[in-house]
Amino acid sequence: MNGDAQTRCGWCGTEQIYVDYHDHEWGVPERDSRALWEKLILDGFQAGLSWITILKKRDSFRTAFEGFRPDIIAHWGEDDITRLLANPGIVRHRGKIAGTILSARAFLRIDQRDGFSNFIWAFQDGKIPQNQWQTLSQVPAQTPVSQAMSKALKAEGFTFCGPTIVYAFMQATGMVNDHLVTCPCHAKVAAMAG
């Protein structure tokens, strides 16, 4: 996807890494369970920070967290937390790192029971809302669906998954189309919702 710098969603700015993320990833429907988990974890790490900070560290996160493989991370303990806290390539926050381990364990339980992708996408009941926002100020920070998903994730053992984080996750993984209607990616993402 290519977007014109003057019409693409204003939140992405002009840095190439951000433009590429906006044009090729953000809002594209994601159905792979592991990829969904990675994005949810990274959105949790973003809490209190800007997304560009996480995006610039994403490759380091992927290396440090073994490709975001929940089957590996679920077995980690205090030594791994200590190791990660010494890694300058990631966000070094004890609670978020420990939460990732707990979330890996929760992911495995959900994935075995329902399939993680099925569990996540069930909140949209098979539908991808095609929002028609004209300005960024119209886009909500959370919705009743993100509130329900947040509550369910927390009940399963996830951390750093409040309704605002979950809505950002939903936007990024194409569970809603929140590209502004003036953005060239709106129509392209809408066509993928099929």
C-alpha atoms as a PDB file:
ATOM      1  CA  MET A   1       0.000   0.000   0.000  1.00  0.00           C
ATOM      2  CA  ASN A   2       1.228   3.427  -0.760  1.00  0.00           C
ATOM      3  CA  GLY A   3      -0.198   6.594   0.691  1.00  0.00           C
ATOM      4  CA  ASP A   4       0.274  10.221  -0.129  1.00  0.00           C
ATOM      5  CA  ALA A   5       2.104  12.032   2.685  1.00  0.00           C
ATOM      6  CA  GLN A   6      -0.541  14.752   2.677  1.00  0.00           C
ATOM      7  CA  THR A   7      -3.509  12.426   2.987  1.00  0.00           C
ATOM      8  CA  ARG A   8      -2.374   9.384   4.974  1.00  0.00           C
ATOM      9  CA  CYS A   9      -3.403   9.199   8.631  1.00  0.00           C
ATOM     10  CA  GLY A  10      -1.644  12.005  10.487  1.00  0.00           C
ATOM     11  CA  TRP A  11      -0.553   9.880  13.453  1.00  0.00           C
ATOM     12  CA  CYS A  12       2.196   8.166  11.471  1.00  0.00           C
ATOM     13  CA  GLY A  13       4.320  11.247  10.838  1.00  0.00           C
ATOM     14  CA  THR A  14       7.014  11.215   8.171  1.00  0.00           C
ATOM     15  CA  GLU A  15       9.741   8.840   9.435  1.00  0.00           C
ATOM     16  CA  GLN A  16      10.078   6.046   6.875  1.00  0.00           C
ATOM     17  CA  ILE A  17       9.748   3.254   9.450  1.00  0.00           C
ATOM     18  CA  TYR A  18       6.433   4.758  10.567  1.00  0.00           C
ATOM     19  CA  VAL A  19       5.197   5.393   7.022  1.00  0.00           C
ATOM     20  CA  ASP A  20       6.007   1.802   6.023  1.00  0.00           C
ATOM     21  CA  TYR A  21       4.237   0.456   9.115  1.00  0.00           C
ATOM     22  CA  HIS A  22       1.162   2.579   8.355  1.00  0.00           C
ATOM     23  CA  ASP A  23       1.077   1.726   4.659  1.00  0.00           C
ATOM     24  CA  HIS A  24       1.785  -2.009   4.883  1.00  0.00           C
ATOM     25  CA  GLU A  25       0.807  -3.323   8.331  1.00  0.00           C
ATOM     26  CA  TRP A  26      -1.558  -1.116  10.326  1.00  0.00           C
ATOM     27  CA  GLY A  27      -5.157  -2.136   9.850  1.00  0.00           C
ATOM     28  CA  VAL A  28      -4.396  -5.221   7.759  1.00  0.00           C
ATOM     29  CA  PRO A  29      -6.486  -8.135   9.125  1.00  0.00           C
ATOM     30  CA  GLU A  30      -4.190 -10.543  10.993  1.00  0.00           C
ATOM     31  CA  ARG A  31      -5.373 -14.101  11.650  1.00  0.00           C
ATOM     32  CA  ASP A  32      -2.148 -15.784  12.745  1.00  0.00           C
ATOM     33  CA  SER A  33      -2.314 -16.562  16.479  1.00  0.00           C
ATOM     34  CA  ARG A  34       1.383 -16.028  17.187  1.00  0.00           C
ATOM     35  CA  ALA A  35       1.488 -12.752  15.248  1.00  0.00           C
ATOM     36  CA  LEU A  36      -1.594 -11.528  17.122  1.00  0.00           C
ATOM     37  CA  TRP A  37       0.056 -12.384  20.445  1.00  0.00           C
ATOM     38  CA  GLU A  38       3.251 -10.560  19.474  1.00  0.00           C
ATOM     39  CA  LYS A  39       1.291  -7.431  18.576  1.00  0.00           C
ATOM     40  CA  LEU A  40      -0.699  -7.547  21.815  1.00  0.00           C
ATOM     41  CA  ILE A  41       2.504  -7.896  23.846  1.00  0.00           C
ATOM     42  CA  LEU A  42       4.179  -5.024  21.991  1.00  0.00           C
ATOM     43  CA  ASP A  43       1.116  -2.843  22.523  1.00  0.00           C
ATOM     44  CA  GLY A  44       1.423  -3.605  26.235  1.00  0.00           C
ATOM     45  CA  PHE A  45       5.081  -2.568  26.180  1.00  0.00           C
ATOM     46  CA  GLN A  46       4.019   0.672  24.512  1.00  0.00           C
ATOM     47  CA  ALA A  47       1.915   1.740  27.520  1.00  0.00           C
ATOM     48  CA  GLY A  48       3.231   5.147  28.567  1.00  0.00           C
ATOM     49  CA  LEU A  49       5.435   5.429  25.474  1.00  0.00           C
ATOM     50  CA  SER A  50       4.963   6.301  21.812  1.00  0.00           C
ATOM     51  CA  TRP A  51       4.437   3.557  19.228  1.00  0.00           C
ATOM     52  CA  ILE A  52       7.438   4.792  17.217  1.00  0.00           C
ATOM     53  CA  THR A  53       9.633   3.904  20.220  1.00  0.00           C
ATOM     54  CA  ILE A  54       8.395   0.307  20.109  1.00  0.00           C
ATOM     55  CA  LEU A  55       8.552   0.150  16.325  1.00  0.00           C
ATOM     56  CA  LYS A  56      12.218   1.164  16.332  1.00  0.00           C
ATOM     57  CA  LYS A  57      12.966  -1.524  18.937  1.00  0.00           C
ATOM     58  CA  ARG A  58      10.759  -4.225  17.387  1.00  0.00           C
ATOM     59  CA  ASP A  59      13.605  -6.222  15.847  1.00  0.00           C
ATOM     60  CA  SER A  60      15.480  -6.169  19.167  1.00  0.00           C
ATOM     61  CA  PHE A  61      12.306  -7.291  20.940  1.00  0.00           C
ATOM     62  CA  ARG A  62      11.924 -10.163  18.471  1.00  0.00           C
ATOM     63  CA  THR A  63      15.482 -11.304  19.112  1.00  0.00           C
ATOM     64  CA  ALA A  64      15.273 -10.902  22.906  1.00  0.00           C
ATOM     65  CA  PHE A  65      11.919 -12.716  23.088  1.00  0.00           C
ATOM     66  CA  GLU A  66      12.913 -15.648  20.845  1.00  0.00           C
ATOM     67  CA  GLY A  67      10.688 -14.561  17.960  1.00  0.00           C
ATOM     68  CA  PHE A  68       7.782 -14.092  20.366  1.00  0.00           C
ATOM     69  CA  ARG A  69       7.309 -17.837  20.697  1.00  0.00           C
ATOM     70  CA  PRO A  70       4.926 -18.339  23.616  1.00  0.00           C
ATOM     71  CA  ASP A  71       5.914 -22.008  23.909  1.00  0.00           C
ATOM     72  CA  ILE A  72       9.452 -20.895  24.845  1.00  0.00           C
ATOM     73  CA  ILE A  73       8.616 -17.779  26.866  1.00  0.00           C
ATOM     74  CA  ALA A  74       6.043 -19.596  29.020  1.00  0.00           C
ATOM     75  CA  HIS A  75       8.902 -21.533  30.665  1.00  0.00           C
ATOM     76  CA  TRP A  76      10.978 -18.480  31.533  1.00  0.00           C
ATOM     77  CA  GLY A  77      11.636 -17.356  35.084  1.00  0.00           C
ATOM     78  CA  GLU A  78      13.562 -14.861  37.185  1.00  0.00           C
ATOM     79  CA  ASP A  79      16.905 -15.421  35.413  1.00  0.00           C
ATOM     80  CA  ASP A  80      15.292 -14.540  32.105  1.00  0.00           C
ATOM     81  CA  ILE A  81      13.694 -11.425  33.578  1.00  0.00           C
ATOM     82  CA  THR A  82      17.110 -10.345  34.897  1.00  0.00           C
ATOM     83  CA  ARG A  83      18.694 -11.019  31.499  1.00  0.00           C
ATOM     84  CA  LEU A  84      16.054  -8.958  29.685  1.00  0.00           C
ATOM     85  CA  LEU A  85      16.318  -6.096  32.172  1.00  0.00           C
ATOM     86  CA  ALA A  86      19.955  -5.755  31.107  1.00  0.00           C
ATOM     87  CA  ASN A  87      19.079  -5.568  27.377  1.00  0.00           C
ATOM     88  CA  PRO A  88      19.207  -1.931  26.150  1.00  0.00           C
ATOM     89  CA  GLY A  89      17.530  -2.921  22.865  1.00  0.00           C
ATOM     90  CA  ILE A  90      14.124  -3.345  24.497  1.00  0.00           C
ATOM     91  CA  VAL A  91      11.945  -1.467  26.974  1.00  0.00           C
ATOM     92  CA  ARG A  92      13.351  -2.581  30.314  1.00  0.00           C
ATOM     93  CA  HIS A  93      10.311  -2.693  32.579  1.00  0.00           C
ATOM     94  CA  ARG A  94      10.161  -5.545  35.076  1.00  0.00           C
ATOM     95  CA  GLY A  95       6.365  -5.631  35.229  1.00  0.00           C
ATOM     96  CA  LYS A  96       5.971  -5.747  31.462  1.00  0.00           C
ATOM     97  CA  ILE A  97       8.620  -8.442  31.067  1.00  0.00           C
ATOM     98  CA  ALA A  98       7.114 -10.583  33.849  1.00  0.00           C
ATOM     99  CA  GLY A  99       3.681  -9.933  32.366  1.00  0.00           C
ATOM    100  CA  THR A 100       4.867 -11.251  29.006  1.00  0.00           C
ATOM    101  CA  ILE A 101       5.780 -14.550  30.657  1.00  0.00           C
ATOM    102  CA  LEU A 102       2.357 -14.774  32.323  1.00  0.00           C
ATOM    103  CA  SER A 103       0.698 -13.823  29.045  1.00  0.00           C
ATOM    104  CA  ALA A 104       2.636 -16.546  27.201  1.00  0.00           C
ATOM    105  CA  ARG A 105       1.215 -19.104  29.630  1.00  0.00           C
ATOM    106  CA  ALA A 106      -2.284 -17.676  29.155  1.00  0.00           C
ATOM    107  CA  PHE A 107      -1.830 -17.729  25.376  1.00  0.00           C
ATOM    108  CA  LEU A 108      -0.945 -21.434  25.445  1.00  0.00           C
ATOM    109  CA  ARG A 109      -4.047 -22.274  27.494  1.00  0.00           C
ATOM    110  CA  ILE A 110      -6.318 -20.282  25.180  1.00  0.00           C
ATOM    111  CA  ASP A 111      -4.648 -21.559  22.019  1.00  0.00           C
ATOM    112  CA  GLN A 112      -5.015 -25.175  23.087  1.00  0.00           C
ATOM    113  CA  ARG A 113      -8.650 -24.665  24.090  1.00  0.00           C
ATOM    114  CA  ASP A 114      -9.997 -22.373  21.364  1.00  0.00           C
ATOM    115  CA  GLY A 115      -7.181 -21.246  19.120  1.00  0.00           C
ATOM    116  CA  PHE A 116      -5.928 -17.785  20.103  1.00  0.00           C
ATOM    117  CA  SER A 117      -6.969 -16.199  16.809  1.00  0.00           C
ATOM    118  CA  ASN A 118     -10.471 -17.667  17.153  1.00  0.00           C
ATOM    119  CA  PHE A 119     -10.688 -16.382  20.731  1.00  0.00           C
ATOM    120  CA  ILE A 120      -9.653 -12.851  19.719  1.00  0.00           C
ATOM    121  CA  TRP A 121     -11.707 -12.591  16.537  1.00  0.00           C
ATOM    122  CA  ALA A 122     -14.855 -13.935  18.241  1.00  0.00           C
ATOM    123  CA  PHE A 123     -15.249 -10.510  19.857  1.00  0.00           C
ATOM    124  CA  GLN A 124     -15.970  -9.058  16.418  1.00  0.00           C
ATOM    125  CA  ASP A 125     -18.440 -11.839  15.584  1.00  0.00           C
ATOM    126  CA  GLY A 126     -16.913 -12.232  12.147  1.00  0.00           C
ATOM    127  CA  LYS A 127     -17.390  -8.589  11.212  1.00  0.00           C
ATOM    128  CA  ILE A 128     -14.781  -5.882  10.628  1.00  0.00           C
ATOM    129  CA  PRO A 129     -16.305  -2.440  11.178  1.00  0.00           C
ATOM    130  CA  GLN A 130     -15.388  -0.043   8.384  1.00  0.00           C
ATOM    131  CA  ASN A 131     -15.346   3.219  10.304  1.00  0.00           C
ATOM    132  CA  GLN A 132     -15.735   6.465   8.416  1.00  0.00           C
ATOM    133  CA  TRP A 133     -13.645   8.840  10.508  1.00  0.00           C
ATOM    134  CA  GLN A 134     -12.832  12.198   8.904  1.00  0.00           C
ATOM    135  CA  THR A 135     -10.389  13.371  11.587  1.00  0.00           C
ATOM    136  CA  LEU A 136      -8.182  11.771  14.228  1.00  0.00           C
ATOM    137  CA  SER A 137     -10.217  13.471  16.941  1.00  0.00           C
ATOM    138  CA  GLN A 138     -13.216  11.303  15.982  1.00  0.00           C
ATOM    139  CA  VAL A 139     -11.374   8.015  16.580  1.00  0.00           C
ATOM    140  CA  PRO A 140     -12.236   6.537  20.002  1.00  0.00           C
ATOM    141  CA  ALA A 141      -9.582   5.467  22.485  1.00  0.00           C
ATOM    142  CA  GLN A 142     -11.654   2.419  23.464  1.00  0.00           C
ATOM    143  CA  THR A 143     -14.976   0.805  22.634  1.00  0.00           C
ATOM    144  CA  PRO A 144     -17.385  -1.618  24.323  1.00  0.00           C
ATOM    145  CA  VAL A 145     -15.734  -4.429  22.321  1.00  0.00           C
ATOM    146  CA  SER A 146     -12.226  -3.480  23.502  1.00  0.00           C
ATOM    147  CA  GLN A 147     -13.560  -3.272  27.060  1.00  0.00           C
ATOM    148  CA  ALA A 148     -15.028  -6.775  26.792  1.00  0.00           C
ATOM    149  CA  MET A 149     -11.873  -8.202  25.215  1.00  0.00           C
ATOM    150  CA  SER A 150      -9.702  -6.551  27.867  1.00  0.00           C
ATOM    151  CA  LYS A 151     -11.814  -8.041  30.638  1.00  0.00           C
ATOM    152  CA  ALA A 152     -11.673 -11.504  29.070  1.00  0.00           C
ATOM    153  CA  LEU A 153      -7.899 -11.348  28.516  1.00  0.00           C
ATOM    154  CA  LYS A 154      -7.320 -10.282  32.119  1.00  0.00           C
ATOM    155  CA  ALA A 155      -9.541 -13.126  33.326  1.00  0.00           C
ATOM    156  CA  GLU A 156      -7.318 -15.523  31.346  1.00  0.00           C
ATOM    157  CA  GLY A 157      -4.156 -14.160  33.006  1.00  0.00           C
ATOM    158  CA  PHE A 158      -2.959 -11.479  30.601  1.00  0.00           C
ATOM    159  CA  THR A 159      -1.456  -8.240  31.911  1.00  0.00           C
ATOM    160  CA  PHE A 160      -1.014  -4.780  30.353  1.00  0.00           C
ATOM    161  CA  CYS A 161      -4.157  -5.234  28.299  1.00  0.00           C
ATOM    162  CA  GLY A 162      -6.493  -2.450  29.373  1.00  0.00           C
ATOM    163  CA  PRO A 163      -9.284  -1.397  27.000  1.00  0.00           C
ATOM    164  CA  THR A 164      -7.219   1.403  25.414  1.00  0.00           C
ATOM    165  CA  ILE A 165      -4.274  -0.922  24.743  1.00  0.00           C
ATOM    166  CA  VAL A 166      -6.688  -3.529  23.383  1.00  0.00           C
ATOM    167  CA  TYR A 167      -8.321  -1.002  21.060  1.00  0.00           C
ATOM    168  CA  ALA A 168      -4.903  -0.005  19.682  1.00  0.00           C
ATOM    169  CA  PHE A 169      -4.267  -3.728  19.147  1.00  0.00           C
ATOM    170  CA  MET A 170      -7.617  -4.100  17.365  1.00  0.00           C
ATOM    171  CA  GLN A 171      -6.824  -1.164  15.080  1.00  0.00           C
ATOM    172  CA  ALA A 172      -3.363  -2.468  14.251  1.00  0.00           C
ATOM    173  CA  THR A 173      -4.510  -6.022  13.515  1.00  0.00           C
ATOM    174  CA  GLY A 174      -7.414  -5.039  11.287  1.00  0.00           C
ATOM    175  CA  MET A 175     -10.245  -5.920  13.644  1.00  0.00           C
ATOM    176  CA  VAL A 176     -11.549  -2.445  12.807  1.00  0.00           C
ATOM    177  CA  ASN A 177     -10.680  -0.155   9.901  1.00  0.00           C
ATOM    178  CA  ASP A 178      -9.701   3.110  11.546  1.00  0.00           C
ATOM    179  CA  HIS A 179      -7.748   4.571   8.652  1.00  0.00           C
ATOM    180  CA  LEU A 180      -9.275   7.981   8.016  1.00  0.00           C
ATOM    181  CA  VAL A 181     -11.502   8.067   4.947  1.00  0.00           C
ATOM    182  CA  THR A 182      -9.097  10.614   3.425  1.00  0.00           C
ATOM    183  CA  CYS A 183      -6.261   8.057   3.669  1.00  0.00           C
ATOM    184  CA  PRO A 184      -5.543   5.917   0.586  1.00  0.00           C
ATOM    185  CA  CYS A 185      -5.180   2.890   2.875  1.00  0.00           C
ATOM    186  CA  HIS A 186      -8.819   3.058   4.007  1.00  0.00           C
ATOM    187  CA  ALA A 187     -10.181   1.575   0.795  1.00  0.00           C
ATOM    188  CA  LYS A 188      -7.324  -0.928   0.455  1.00  0.00           C
ATOM    189  CA  VAL A 189      -7.833  -2.234   3.999  1.00  0.00           C
ATOM    190  CA  ALA A 190     -11.625  -2.296   3.477  1.00  0.00           C
ATOM    191  CA  ALA A 191     -11.133  -4.532   0.432  1.00  0.00           C
ATOM    192  CA  MET A 192      -9.152  -6.996   2.581  1.00  0.00           C
ATOM    193  CA  ALA A 193     -12.008  -7.323   5.074  1.00  0.00           C
ATOM    194  CA  GLY A 194     -13.982  -9.300   2.461  1.00  0.00           C
END
